[in-house]
Amino acid sequence: MNGDTLEKYYKEGLEERLIAYLAKVKHLTLEQAMDIYYRSNLAQKIYEGQDDVQYLDYKVLAQILLDTESELFQQSEQT
């Protein structure tokens, strides 16, 4: 396996842990948590590897998402 392949698998695992954690702490379904995550700016930053944010712990990333993009969670509550 080359470095790019390992990075891809690492990011996928990170996203899975982050989404599952969001679902747990915000009492969401996995589908709701997934929708929120993939609509977030954070998801794009992780995908692109901006500022090496993808190397942070998934719980830290979840807190960043909750703090910086709380409107995504409010939209989810309204539906």
PDB file of N, CA and C in Angstrom:
ATOM      1  N   MET A   1       0.835  -1.182   0.000  1.00  0.00           N
ATOM      2  CA  MET A   1       0.000   0.000   0.000  1.00  0.00           C
ATOM      3  C   MET A   1       0.878   1.243   0.000  1.00  0.00           C
ATOM      4  N   ASN A   2       0.474   2.223  -0.782  1.00  0.00           N
ATOM      5  CA  ASN A   2       1.234   3.459  -0.784  1.00  0.00           C
ATOM      6  C   ASN A   2       0.621   4.464   0.204  1.00  0.00           C
ATOM      7  N   GLY A   3       1.291   5.583   0.382  1.00  0.00           N
ATOM      8  CA  GLY A   3       0.854   6.583   1.353  1.00  0.00           C
ATOM      9  C   GLY A   3      -0.518   7.162   1.058  1.00  0.00           C
ATOM     10  N   ASP A   4      -0.833   7.368  -0.220  1.00  0.00           N
ATOM     11  CA  ASP A   4      -2.134   7.925  -0.580  1.00  0.00           C
ATOM     12  C   ASP A   4      -3.269   6.968  -0.218  1.00  0.00           C
ATOM     13  N   THR A   5      -3.053   5.686  -0.428  1.00  0.00           N
ATOM     14  CA  THR A   5      -4.069   4.694  -0.090  1.00  0.00           C
ATOM     15  C   THR A   5      -4.283   4.631   1.418  1.00  0.00           C
ATOM     16  N   LEU A   6      -3.201   4.641   2.164  1.00  0.00           N
ATOM     17  CA  LEU A   6      -3.319   4.637   3.624  1.00  0.00           C
ATOM     18  C   LEU A   6      -4.047   5.883   4.123  1.00  0.00           C
ATOM     19  N   GLU A   7      -3.741   7.025   3.545  1.00  0.00           N
ATOM     20  CA  GLU A   7      -4.398   8.283   3.923  1.00  0.00           C
ATOM     21  C   GLU A   7      -5.901   8.208   3.659  1.00  0.00           C
ATOM     22  N   LYS A   8      -6.266   7.628   2.539  1.00  0.00           N
ATOM     23  CA  LYS A   8      -7.680   7.495   2.184  1.00  0.00           C
ATOM     24  C   LYS A   8      -8.407   6.634   3.216  1.00  0.00           C
ATOM     25  N   TYR A   9      -7.837   5.513   3.581  1.00  0.00           N
ATOM     26  CA  TYR A   9      -8.462   4.622   4.562  1.00  0.00           C
ATOM     27  C   TYR A   9      -8.534   5.279   5.941  1.00  0.00           C
ATOM     28  N   TYR A  10      -7.491   6.018   6.289  1.00  0.00           N
ATOM     29  CA  TYR A  10      -7.491   6.720   7.568  1.00  0.00           C
ATOM     30  C   TYR A  10      -8.623   7.737   7.612  1.00  0.00           C
ATOM     31  N   LYS A  11      -8.785   8.519   6.542  1.00  0.00           N
ATOM     32  CA  LYS A  11      -9.843   9.542   6.497  1.00  0.00           C
ATOM     33  C   LYS A  11     -11.225   8.897   6.550  1.00  0.00           C
ATOM     34  N   GLU A  12     -11.391   7.786   5.860  1.00  0.00           N
ATOM     35  CA  GLU A  12     -12.689   7.098   5.884  1.00  0.00           C
ATOM     36  C   GLU A  12     -13.024   6.636   7.295  1.00  0.00           C
ATOM     37  N   GLY A  13     -12.056   6.066   7.990  1.00  0.00           N
ATOM     38  CA  GLY A  13     -12.275   5.635   9.368  1.00  0.00           C
ATOM     39  C   GLY A  13     -12.558   6.801  10.287  1.00  0.00           C
ATOM     40  N   LEU A  14     -11.846   7.892  10.069  1.00  0.00           N
ATOM     41  CA  LEU A  14     -12.067   9.101  10.856  1.00  0.00           C
ATOM     42  C   LEU A  14     -13.486   9.607  10.669  1.00  0.00           C
ATOM     43  N   GLU A  15     -13.943   9.659   9.437  1.00  0.00           N
ATOM     44  CA  GLU A  15     -15.302  10.121   9.150  1.00  0.00           C
ATOM     45  C   GLU A  15     -16.341   9.209   9.801  1.00  0.00           C
ATOM     46  N   GLU A  16     -16.116   7.911   9.743  1.00  0.00           N
ATOM     47  CA  GLU A  16     -17.058   6.963  10.357  1.00  0.00           C
ATOM     48  C   GLU A  16     -17.146   7.179  11.862  1.00  0.00           C
ATOM     49  N   ARG A  17     -16.010   7.326  12.525  1.00  0.00           N
ATOM     50  CA  ARG A  17     -15.997   7.550  13.974  1.00  0.00           C
ATOM     51  C   ARG A  17     -16.641   8.885  14.325  1.00  0.00           C
ATOM     52  N   LEU A  18     -16.339   9.905  13.540  1.00  0.00           N
ATOM     53  CA  LEU A  18     -16.889  11.235  13.783  1.00  0.00           C
ATOM     54  C   LEU A  18     -18.410  11.242  13.633  1.00  0.00           C
ATOM     55  N   ILE A  19     -18.917  10.631  12.598  1.00  0.00           N
ATOM     56  CA  ILE A  19     -20.358  10.584  12.353  1.00  0.00           C
ATOM     57  C   ILE A  19     -21.057   9.792  13.459  1.00  0.00           C
ATOM     58  N   ALA A  20     -20.514   8.645  13.831  1.00  0.00           N
ATOM     59  CA  ALA A  20     -21.108   7.830  14.896  1.00  0.00           C
ATOM     60  C   ALA A  20     -21.114   8.590  16.221  1.00  0.00           C
ATOM     61  N   TYR A  21     -20.046   9.317  16.492  1.00  0.00           N
ATOM     62  CA  TYR A  21     -19.964  10.091  17.731  1.00  0.00           C
ATOM     63  C   TYR A  21     -20.977  11.235  17.728  1.00  0.00           C
ATOM     64  N   LEU A  22     -21.113  11.929  16.611  1.00  0.00           N
ATOM     65  CA  LEU A  22     -22.111  12.996  16.509  1.00  0.00           C
ATOM     66  C   LEU A  22     -23.517  12.450  16.747  1.00  0.00           C
ATOM     67  N   ALA A  23     -23.801  11.305  16.153  1.00  0.00           N
ATOM     68  CA  ALA A  23     -25.117  10.688  16.332  1.00  0.00           C
ATOM     69  C   ALA A  23     -25.370  10.389  17.801  1.00  0.00           C
ATOM     70  N   LYS A  24     -24.354   9.898  18.479  1.00  0.00           N
ATOM     71  CA  LYS A  24     -24.498   9.536  19.889  1.00  0.00           C
ATOM     72  C   LYS A  24     -24.711  10.759  20.771  1.00  0.00           C
ATOM     73  N   VAL A  25     -23.853  11.761  20.644  1.00  0.00           N
ATOM     74  CA  VAL A  25     -23.914  12.905  21.561  1.00  0.00           C
ATOM     75  C   VAL A  25     -25.078  13.849  21.269  1.00  0.00           C
ATOM     76  N   LYS A  26     -25.538  13.873  20.031  1.00  0.00           N
ATOM     77  CA  LYS A  26     -26.649  14.765  19.680  1.00  0.00           C
ATOM     78  C   LYS A  26     -27.973  14.013  19.538  1.00  0.00           C
ATOM     79  N   HIS A  27     -27.962  12.726  19.842  1.00  0.00           N
ATOM     80  CA  HIS A  27     -29.168  11.888  19.771  1.00  0.00           C
ATOM     81  C   HIS A  27     -29.806  11.965  18.384  1.00  0.00           C
ATOM     82  N   LEU A  28     -28.973  11.703  17.384  1.00  0.00           N
ATOM     83  CA  LEU A  28     -29.401  11.717  15.989  1.00  0.00           C
ATOM     84  C   LEU A  28     -29.325  10.298  15.433  1.00  0.00           C
ATOM     85  N   THR A  29     -30.026  10.084  14.340  1.00  0.00           N
ATOM     86  CA  THR A  29     -29.823   8.832  13.622  1.00  0.00           C
ATOM     87  C   THR A  29     -28.492   8.947  12.880  1.00  0.00           C
ATOM     88  N   LEU A  30     -27.950   7.824  12.486  1.00  0.00           N
ATOM     89  CA  LEU A  30     -26.716   7.866  11.704  1.00  0.00           C
ATOM     90  C   LEU A  30     -26.924   8.625  10.403  1.00  0.00           C
ATOM     91  N   GLU A  31     -28.095   8.501   9.819  1.00  0.00           N
ATOM     92  CA  GLU A  31     -28.393   9.205   8.579  1.00  0.00           C
ATOM     93  C   GLU A  31     -28.398  10.712   8.786  1.00  0.00           C
ATOM     94  N   GLN A  32     -28.989  11.174   9.889  1.00  0.00           N
ATOM     95  CA  GLN A  32     -28.997  12.607  10.188  1.00  0.00           C
ATOM     96  C   GLN A  32     -27.580  13.118  10.433  1.00  0.00           C
ATOM     97  N   ALA A  33     -26.815  12.376  11.207  1.00  0.00           N
ATOM     98  CA  ALA A  33     -25.441  12.776  11.501  1.00  0.00           C
ATOM     99  C   ALA A  33     -24.596  12.807  10.227  1.00  0.00           C
ATOM    100  N   MET A  34     -24.803  11.845   9.366  1.00  0.00           N
ATOM    101  CA  MET A  34     -24.083  11.790   8.104  1.00  0.00           C
ATOM    102  C   MET A  34     -24.436  12.988   7.223  1.00  0.00           C
ATOM    103  N   ASP A  35     -25.710  13.313   7.169  1.00  0.00           N
ATOM    104  CA  ASP A  35     -26.169  14.453   6.378  1.00  0.00           C
ATOM    105  C   ASP A  35     -25.542  15.745   6.888  1.00  0.00           C
ATOM    106  N   ILE A  36     -25.557  15.929   8.198  1.00  0.00           N
ATOM    107  CA  ILE A  36     -24.957  17.125   8.796  1.00  0.00           C
ATOM    108  C   ILE A  36     -23.467  17.184   8.476  1.00  0.00           C
ATOM    109  N   TYR A  37     -22.782  16.090   8.699  1.00  0.00           N
ATOM    110  CA  TYR A  37     -21.342  16.071   8.461  1.00  0.00           C
ATOM    111  C   TYR A  37     -21.004  16.407   7.015  1.00  0.00           C
ATOM    112  N   TYR A  38     -21.652  15.751   6.062  1.00  0.00           N
ATOM    113  CA  TYR A  38     -21.282  15.945   4.666  1.00  0.00           C
ATOM    114  C   TYR A  38     -21.722  17.299   4.118  1.00  0.00           C
ATOM    115  N   ARG A  39     -22.601  18.011   4.818  1.00  0.00           N
ATOM    116  CA  ARG A  39     -22.960  19.374   4.424  1.00  0.00           C
ATOM    117  C   ARG A  39     -22.039  20.410   5.074  1.00  0.00           C
ATOM    118  N   SER A  40     -21.174  19.976   5.947  1.00  0.00           N
ATOM    119  CA  SER A  40     -20.338  20.905   6.713  1.00  0.00           C
ATOM    120  C   SER A  40     -19.086  21.331   5.951  1.00  0.00           C
ATOM    121  N   ASN A  41     -18.586  22.492   6.332  1.00  0.00           N
ATOM    122  CA  ASN A  41     -17.294  22.959   5.816  1.00  0.00           C
ATOM    123  C   ASN A  41     -16.169  22.080   6.339  1.00  0.00           C
ATOM    124  N   LEU A  42     -16.357  21.547   7.535  1.00  0.00           N
ATOM    125  CA  LEU A  42     -15.342  20.679   8.128  1.00  0.00           C
ATOM    126  C   LEU A  42     -15.088  19.448   7.263  1.00  0.00           C
ATOM    127  N   ALA A  43     -16.133  18.869   6.720  1.00  0.00           N
ATOM    128  CA  ALA A  43     -15.974  17.683   5.860  1.00  0.00           C
ATOM    129  C   ALA A  43     -15.080  18.003   4.671  1.00  0.00           C
ATOM    130  N   GLN A  44     -15.274  19.176   4.100  1.00  0.00           N
ATOM    131  CA  GLN A  44     -14.458  19.587   2.963  1.00  0.00           C
ATOM    132  C   GLN A  44     -13.004  19.793   3.384  1.00  0.00           C
ATOM    133  N   LYS A  45     -12.800  20.371   4.559  1.00  0.00           N
ATOM    134  CA  LYS A  45     -11.435  20.581   5.053  1.00  0.00           C
ATOM    135  C   LYS A  45     -10.728  19.245   5.285  1.00  0.00           C
ATOM    136  N   ILE A  46     -11.454  18.292   5.840  1.00  0.00           N
ATOM    137  CA  ILE A  46     -10.866  16.968   6.062  1.00  0.00           C
ATOM    138  C   ILE A  46     -10.545  16.305   4.731  1.00  0.00           C
ATOM    139  N   TYR A  47     -11.470  16.375   3.796  1.00  0.00           N
ATOM    140  CA  TYR A  47     -11.282  15.776   2.479  1.00  0.00           C
ATOM    141  C   TYR A  47     -10.048  16.349   1.783  1.00  0.00           C
ATOM    142  N   GLU A  48      -9.891  17.674   1.865  1.00  0.00           N
ATOM    143  CA  GLU A  48      -8.786  18.340   1.190  1.00  0.00           C
ATOM    144  C   GLU A  48      -7.494  18.334   2.012  1.00  0.00           C
ATOM    145  N   GLY A  49      -7.590  17.963   3.278  1.00  0.00           N
ATOM    146  CA  GLY A  49      -6.415  17.952   4.139  1.00  0.00           C
ATOM    147  C   GLY A  49      -5.947  19.342   4.528  1.00  0.00           C
ATOM    148  N   GLN A  50      -6.875  20.294   4.562  1.00  0.00           N
ATOM    149  CA  GLN A  50      -6.515  21.668   4.911  1.00  0.00           C
ATOM    150  C   GLN A  50      -6.037  21.755   6.354  1.00  0.00           C
ATOM    151  N   ASP A  51      -4.937  22.440   6.556  1.00  0.00           N
ATOM    152  CA  ASP A  51      -4.387  22.693   7.890  1.00  0.00           C
ATOM    153  C   ASP A  51      -4.136  21.410   8.686  1.00  0.00           C
ATOM    154  N   ASP A  52      -4.017  20.284   8.005  1.00  0.00           N
ATOM    155  CA  ASP A  52      -3.816  18.982   8.657  1.00  0.00           C
ATOM    156  C   ASP A  52      -4.898  18.656   9.678  1.00  0.00           C
ATOM    157  N   VAL A  53      -6.085  19.210   9.465  1.00  0.00           N
ATOM    158  CA  VAL A  53      -7.197  19.005  10.403  1.00  0.00           C
ATOM    159  C   VAL A  53      -7.581  17.530  10.505  1.00  0.00           C
ATOM    160  N   GLN A  54      -7.308  16.759   9.476  1.00  0.00           N
ATOM    161  CA  GLN A  54      -7.670  15.339   9.468  1.00  0.00           C
ATOM    162  C   GLN A  54      -6.895  14.521  10.491  1.00  0.00           C
ATOM    163  N   TYR A  55      -5.862  15.110  11.079  1.00  0.00           N
ATOM    164  CA  TYR A  55      -5.072  14.379  12.071  1.00  0.00           C
ATOM    165  C   TYR A  55      -5.535  14.628  13.505  1.00  0.00           C
ATOM    166  N   LEU A  56      -6.552  15.458  13.662  1.00  0.00           N
ATOM    167  CA  LEU A  56      -7.105  15.681  14.996  1.00  0.00           C
ATOM    168  C   LEU A  56      -7.989  14.506  15.400  1.00  0.00           C
ATOM    169  N   ASP A  57      -8.168  14.333  16.684  1.00  0.00           N
ATOM    170  CA  ASP A  57      -9.035  13.284  17.205  1.00  0.00           C
ATOM    171  C   ASP A  57     -10.487  13.542  16.779  1.00  0.00           C
ATOM    172  N   TYR A  58     -11.229  12.485  16.515  1.00  0.00           N
ATOM    173  CA  TYR A  58     -12.605  12.638  16.051  1.00  0.00           C
ATOM    174  C   TYR A  58     -13.490  13.375  17.047  1.00  0.00           C
ATOM    175  N   LYS A  59     -13.210  13.234  18.349  1.00  0.00           N
ATOM    176  CA  LYS A  59     -14.003  13.962  19.344  1.00  0.00           C
ATOM    177  C   LYS A  59     -13.706  15.457  19.301  1.00  0.00           C
ATOM    178  N   VAL A  60     -12.475  15.803  19.055  1.00  0.00           N
ATOM    179  CA  VAL A  60     -12.101  17.211  18.899  1.00  0.00           C
ATOM    180  C   VAL A  60     -12.768  17.776  17.646  1.00  0.00           C
ATOM    181  N   LEU A  61     -12.743  17.020  16.573  1.00  0.00           N
ATOM    182  CA  LEU A  61     -13.386  17.458  15.338  1.00  0.00           C
ATOM    183  C   LEU A  61     -14.895  17.629  15.522  1.00  0.00           C
ATOM    184  N   ALA A  62     -15.507  16.724  16.260  1.00  0.00           N
ATOM    185  CA  ALA A  62     -16.944  16.847  16.531  1.00  0.00           C
ATOM    186  C   ALA A  62     -17.235  18.130  17.293  1.00  0.00           C
ATOM    187  N   GLN A  63     -16.402  18.445  18.269  1.00  0.00           N
ATOM    188  CA  GLN A  63     -16.602  19.670  19.036  1.00  0.00           C
ATOM    189  C   GLN A  63     -16.403  20.904  18.163  1.00  0.00           C
ATOM    190  N   ILE A  64     -15.427  20.859  17.284  1.00  0.00           N
ATOM    191  CA  ILE A  64     -15.226  21.967  16.341  1.00  0.00           C
ATOM    192  C   ILE A  64     -16.462  22.155  15.483  1.00  0.00           C
ATOM    193  N   LEU A  65     -17.006  21.059  14.988  1.00  0.00           N
ATOM    194  CA  LEU A  65     -18.219  21.124  14.165  1.00  0.00           C
ATOM    195  C   LEU A  65     -19.386  21.690  14.960  1.00  0.00           C
ATOM    196  N   LEU A  66     -19.554  21.239  16.179  1.00  0.00           N
ATOM    197  CA  LEU A  66     -20.637  21.739  17.030  1.00  0.00           C
ATOM    198  C   LEU A  66     -20.474  23.231  17.318  1.00  0.00           C
ATOM    199  N   ASP A  67     -19.241  23.666  17.515  1.00  0.00           N
ATOM    200  CA  ASP A  67     -18.977  25.064  17.855  1.00  0.00           C
ATOM    201  C   ASP A  67     -19.057  25.997  16.649  1.00  0.00           C
ATOM    202  N   THR A  68     -18.581  25.549  15.514  1.00  0.00           N
ATOM    203  CA  THR A  68     -18.446  26.450  14.365  1.00  0.00           C
ATOM    204  C   THR A  68     -19.573  26.357  13.349  1.00  0.00           C
ATOM    205  N   GLU A  69     -20.321  25.246  13.376  1.00  0.00           N
ATOM    206  CA  GLU A  69     -21.394  25.080  12.384  1.00  0.00           C
ATOM    207  C   GLU A  69     -22.677  24.590  13.058  1.00  0.00           C
ATOM    208  N   SER A  70     -22.999  25.217  14.175  1.00  0.00           N
ATOM    209  CA  SER A  70     -24.168  24.800  14.956  1.00  0.00           C
ATOM    210  C   SER A  70     -25.471  24.926  14.183  1.00  0.00           C
ATOM    211  N   GLU A  71     -25.502  25.811  13.188  1.00  0.00           N
ATOM    212  CA  GLU A  71     -26.727  25.977  12.392  1.00  0.00           C
ATOM    213  C   GLU A  71     -27.118  24.695  11.669  1.00  0.00           C
ATOM    214  N   LEU A  72     -26.161  23.853  11.348  1.00  0.00           N
ATOM    215  CA  LEU A  72     -26.478  22.582  10.694  1.00  0.00           C
ATOM    216  C   LEU A  72     -27.299  21.681  11.607  1.00  0.00           C
ATOM    217  N   PHE A  73     -27.028  21.748  12.893  1.00  0.00           N
ATOM    218  CA  PHE A  73     -27.766  20.934  13.854  1.00  0.00           C
ATOM    219  C   PHE A  73     -29.154  21.508  14.098  1.00  0.00           C
ATOM    220  N   GLN A  74     -29.280  22.816  14.058  1.00  0.00           N
ATOM    221  CA  GLN A  74     -30.574  23.457  14.232  1.00  0.00           C
ATOM    222  C   GLN A  74     -31.484  23.126  13.052  1.00  0.00           C
ATOM    223  N   GLN A  75     -30.911  23.113  11.855  1.00  0.00           N
ATOM    224  CA  GLN A  75     -31.685  22.747  10.667  1.00  0.00           C
ATOM    225  C   GLN A  75     -32.191  21.314  10.771  1.00  0.00           C
ATOM    226  N   SER A  76     -31.366  20.439  11.327  1.00  0.00           N
ATOM    227  CA  SER A  76     -31.737  19.035  11.488  1.00  0.00           C
ATOM    228  C   SER A  76     -32.889  18.872  12.468  1.00  0.00           C
ATOM    229  N   GLU A  77     -32.898  19.685  13.510  1.00  0.00           N
ATOM    230  CA  GLU A  77     -33.964  19.620  14.513  1.00  0.00           C
ATOM    231  C   GLU A  77     -35.304  20.082  13.956  1.00  0.00           C
ATOM    232  N   GLN A  78     -35.281  20.944  12.957  1.00  0.00           N
ATOM    233  CA  GLN A  78     -36.505  21.491  12.382  1.00  0.00           C
ATOM    234  C   GLN A  78     -37.172  20.528  11.411  1.00  0.00           C
ATOM    235  N   THR A  79     -36.412  19.560  10.919  1.00  0.00           N
ATOM    236  CA  THR A  79     -36.985  18.627   9.935  1.00  0.00           C
ATOM    237  C   THR A  79     -37.526  17.393  10.593  1.00  0.00           C
TER     238      THR A  79
END
